[in-house]
N, C-alpha and C. Protein backbone atom coordinates (compact mmCIF):
# COMPACT_ATOMS: atom_id res chain seq x y z
N MET A 1 -27.92 -14.97 -4.05
CA MET A 1 -27.64 -15.50 -2.74
C MET A 1 -26.90 -16.82 -2.85
N ALA A 2 -27.61 -17.95 -2.69
CA ALA A 2 -26.95 -19.26 -2.73
C ALA A 2 -27.06 -19.84 -4.14
N ASN A 3 -25.93 -19.88 -4.84
CA ASN A 3 -25.91 -20.39 -6.20
C ASN A 3 -25.64 -21.88 -6.27
N ASN A 4 -25.41 -22.54 -5.16
CA ASN A 4 -25.06 -23.95 -5.18
C ASN A 4 -26.27 -24.87 -4.99
N THR A 5 -27.49 -24.38 -5.22
CA THR A 5 -28.68 -25.23 -5.06
C THR A 5 -28.72 -26.33 -6.11
N GLU A 6 -28.27 -26.05 -7.32
CA GLU A 6 -28.25 -27.05 -8.37
C GLU A 6 -27.19 -28.11 -8.11
N GLN A 7 -26.09 -27.74 -7.54
CA GLN A 7 -25.00 -28.67 -7.31
C GLN A 7 -25.31 -29.64 -6.18
N SER A 8 -26.12 -29.25 -5.24
CA SER A 8 -26.41 -30.11 -4.10
C SER A 8 -27.58 -31.06 -4.36
N SER A 9 -28.10 -31.07 -5.59
CA SER A 9 -29.26 -31.90 -5.89
C SER A 9 -28.93 -33.39 -5.96
N GLY A 10 -27.71 -33.76 -6.18
CA GLY A 10 -27.36 -35.17 -6.18
C GLY A 10 -27.00 -35.74 -7.53
N GLY A 11 -26.71 -34.93 -8.51
CA GLY A 11 -26.28 -35.44 -9.80
C GLY A 11 -27.43 -35.70 -10.75
N THR A 12 -27.19 -36.64 -11.69
CA THR A 12 -28.19 -36.95 -12.70
C THR A 12 -28.44 -38.45 -12.76
N ILE A 13 -29.59 -38.81 -13.33
CA ILE A 13 -29.90 -40.21 -13.59
C ILE A 13 -30.19 -40.35 -15.08
N LYS A 14 -29.96 -41.52 -15.61
CA LYS A 14 -30.28 -41.82 -17.00
C LYS A 14 -31.57 -42.62 -17.01
N ILE A 15 -32.55 -42.12 -17.77
CA ILE A 15 -33.85 -42.76 -17.88
C ILE A 15 -33.98 -43.29 -19.30
N GLN A 16 -34.32 -44.57 -19.44
CA GLN A 16 -34.46 -45.19 -20.75
C GLN A 16 -35.92 -45.53 -21.01
N TYR A 17 -36.37 -45.21 -22.23
CA TYR A 17 -37.70 -45.56 -22.71
C TYR A 17 -37.56 -46.86 -23.47
N TYR A 18 -38.00 -47.97 -22.88
CA TYR A 18 -37.68 -49.28 -23.45
C TYR A 18 -38.89 -50.07 -23.94
N ARG A 19 -40.10 -49.61 -23.71
CA ARG A 19 -41.27 -50.33 -24.19
C ARG A 19 -42.26 -49.35 -24.79
N SER A 20 -42.92 -49.74 -25.86
CA SER A 20 -43.83 -48.87 -26.59
C SER A 20 -45.01 -48.41 -25.73
N MET A 21 -45.50 -47.22 -26.04
CA MET A 21 -46.63 -46.64 -25.32
C MET A 21 -47.97 -47.06 -25.91
N ILE A 22 -47.97 -47.82 -26.98
CA ILE A 22 -49.20 -48.22 -27.64
C ILE A 22 -50.07 -49.03 -26.67
N GLY A 23 -51.31 -48.62 -26.55
CA GLY A 23 -52.25 -49.32 -25.69
C GLY A 23 -52.32 -48.81 -24.27
N TYR A 24 -51.50 -47.82 -23.91
CA TYR A 24 -51.54 -47.26 -22.57
C TYR A 24 -52.31 -45.94 -22.56
N SER A 25 -52.64 -45.45 -21.40
CA SER A 25 -53.48 -44.26 -21.28
C SER A 25 -52.76 -43.00 -21.75
N LYS A 26 -53.55 -41.97 -22.03
CA LYS A 26 -53.00 -40.69 -22.48
C LYS A 26 -52.09 -40.08 -21.43
N LYS A 27 -52.46 -40.25 -20.17
CA LYS A 27 -51.66 -39.68 -19.09
C LYS A 27 -50.26 -40.26 -19.08
N GLN A 28 -50.15 -41.57 -19.29
CA GLN A 28 -48.84 -42.21 -19.32
C GLN A 28 -48.04 -41.75 -20.54
N LYS A 29 -48.71 -41.55 -21.66
CA LYS A 29 -48.04 -41.06 -22.86
C LYS A 29 -47.53 -39.63 -22.65
N GLN A 30 -48.30 -38.82 -21.95
CA GLN A 30 -47.89 -37.44 -21.66
C GLN A 30 -46.68 -37.40 -20.75
N ILE A 31 -46.59 -38.34 -19.81
CA ILE A 31 -45.44 -38.39 -18.92
C ILE A 31 -44.16 -38.63 -19.72
N VAL A 32 -44.22 -39.58 -20.65
CA VAL A 32 -43.04 -39.89 -21.47
C VAL A 32 -42.66 -38.69 -22.32
N LYS A 33 -43.64 -38.03 -22.94
CA LYS A 33 -43.35 -36.86 -23.77
C LYS A 33 -42.81 -35.70 -22.94
N SER A 34 -43.27 -35.55 -21.71
CA SER A 34 -42.81 -34.45 -20.87
C SER A 34 -41.34 -34.59 -20.50
N LEU A 35 -40.83 -35.81 -20.52
CA LEU A 35 -39.41 -36.03 -20.25
C LEU A 35 -38.54 -35.71 -21.46
N GLY A 36 -39.17 -35.45 -22.61
CA GLY A 36 -38.42 -35.13 -23.81
C GLY A 36 -38.02 -36.36 -24.60
N ILE A 37 -38.69 -37.46 -24.36
CA ILE A 37 -38.38 -38.71 -25.04
C ILE A 37 -39.27 -38.84 -26.27
N THR A 38 -38.64 -39.14 -27.43
CA THR A 38 -39.40 -39.23 -28.66
C THR A 38 -39.26 -40.58 -29.36
N LYS A 39 -38.21 -41.33 -29.05
CA LYS A 39 -37.96 -42.59 -29.76
C LYS A 39 -37.81 -43.74 -28.79
N LEU A 40 -38.14 -44.93 -29.26
CA LEU A 40 -37.97 -46.13 -28.48
C LEU A 40 -36.49 -46.39 -28.22
N ASN A 41 -36.16 -46.87 -27.04
CA ASN A 41 -34.79 -47.14 -26.58
C ASN A 41 -33.94 -45.89 -26.44
N GLN A 42 -34.57 -44.74 -26.39
CA GLN A 42 -33.85 -43.48 -26.18
C GLN A 42 -33.54 -43.32 -24.70
N THR A 43 -32.37 -42.78 -24.40
CA THR A 43 -31.96 -42.53 -23.03
C THR A 43 -31.75 -41.03 -22.84
N VAL A 44 -32.30 -40.49 -21.76
CA VAL A 44 -32.13 -39.07 -21.44
C VAL A 44 -31.58 -38.94 -20.03
N GLU A 45 -30.87 -37.85 -19.78
CA GLU A 45 -30.34 -37.57 -18.44
C GLU A 45 -31.17 -36.47 -17.81
N ARG A 46 -31.61 -36.72 -16.60
CA ARG A 46 -32.41 -35.77 -15.84
C ARG A 46 -31.83 -35.65 -14.44
N PRO A 47 -32.15 -34.58 -13.71
CA PRO A 47 -31.65 -34.44 -12.33
C PRO A 47 -32.14 -35.58 -11.45
N ASP A 48 -31.29 -36.02 -10.57
CA ASP A 48 -31.62 -37.11 -9.66
C ASP A 48 -32.27 -36.54 -8.41
N ASP A 49 -33.60 -36.47 -8.44
CA ASP A 49 -34.33 -36.01 -7.27
C ASP A 49 -35.59 -36.86 -7.11
N ALA A 50 -36.31 -36.61 -6.07
CA ALA A 50 -37.48 -37.44 -5.75
C ALA A 50 -38.55 -37.36 -6.82
N SER A 51 -38.72 -36.21 -7.45
CA SER A 51 -39.77 -36.08 -8.46
C SER A 51 -39.47 -36.92 -9.70
N MET A 52 -38.22 -36.94 -10.15
CA MET A 52 -37.86 -37.76 -11.32
C MET A 52 -37.99 -39.25 -11.01
N ARG A 53 -37.57 -39.65 -9.84
CA ARG A 53 -37.70 -41.06 -9.46
C ARG A 53 -39.18 -41.44 -9.31
N GLY A 54 -40.00 -40.50 -8.89
CA GLY A 54 -41.44 -40.74 -8.79
C GLY A 54 -42.09 -40.92 -10.15
N ILE A 55 -41.62 -40.16 -11.13
CA ILE A 55 -42.15 -40.29 -12.49
C ILE A 55 -41.85 -41.69 -13.02
N VAL A 56 -40.62 -42.15 -12.84
CA VAL A 56 -40.25 -43.48 -13.31
C VAL A 56 -41.02 -44.56 -12.54
N ALA A 57 -41.27 -44.33 -11.27
CA ALA A 57 -42.00 -45.30 -10.47
C ALA A 57 -43.47 -45.40 -10.89
N LYS A 58 -44.02 -44.32 -11.47
CA LYS A 58 -45.41 -44.34 -11.93
C LYS A 58 -45.59 -45.25 -13.13
N ILE A 59 -44.59 -45.31 -14.01
CA ILE A 59 -44.71 -46.12 -15.22
C ILE A 59 -43.46 -47.00 -15.40
N PRO A 60 -43.21 -47.92 -14.48
CA PRO A 60 -42.02 -48.77 -14.58
C PRO A 60 -42.10 -49.77 -15.72
N HIS A 61 -43.30 -49.98 -16.27
CA HIS A 61 -43.47 -50.88 -17.39
C HIS A 61 -43.07 -50.23 -18.71
N ILE A 62 -42.80 -48.92 -18.70
CA ILE A 62 -42.39 -48.19 -19.91
C ILE A 62 -40.99 -47.60 -19.76
N LEU A 63 -40.67 -47.11 -18.57
CA LEU A 63 -39.38 -46.45 -18.32
C LEU A 63 -38.56 -47.24 -17.32
N ARG A 64 -37.24 -47.10 -17.42
CA ARG A 64 -36.36 -47.67 -16.40
C ARG A 64 -35.15 -46.78 -16.21
N ILE A 65 -34.54 -46.90 -15.04
CA ILE A 65 -33.34 -46.14 -14.71
C ILE A 65 -32.14 -46.98 -15.09
N VAL A 66 -31.24 -46.40 -15.90
CA VAL A 66 -30.04 -47.08 -16.34
C VAL A 66 -28.86 -46.50 -15.57
N GLU A 67 -28.07 -47.33 -14.97
CA GLU A 67 -26.90 -46.86 -14.19
C GLU A 67 -25.66 -46.87 -15.03
């Protein structure tokens, strides 16, 4: 039917993992791993939607959005 659902999502955002997870809860560590981030200062591109921005907002002390 409608194949343009991915195109109307609004592009991508770059998320950077800039501070170590040592000393934080398991839930916060799982969030970082679920994004596919494995190394410090690594940047990944993910779809720009409310759920991704919500993930970054949950742990702003570990992740940030790079423009």
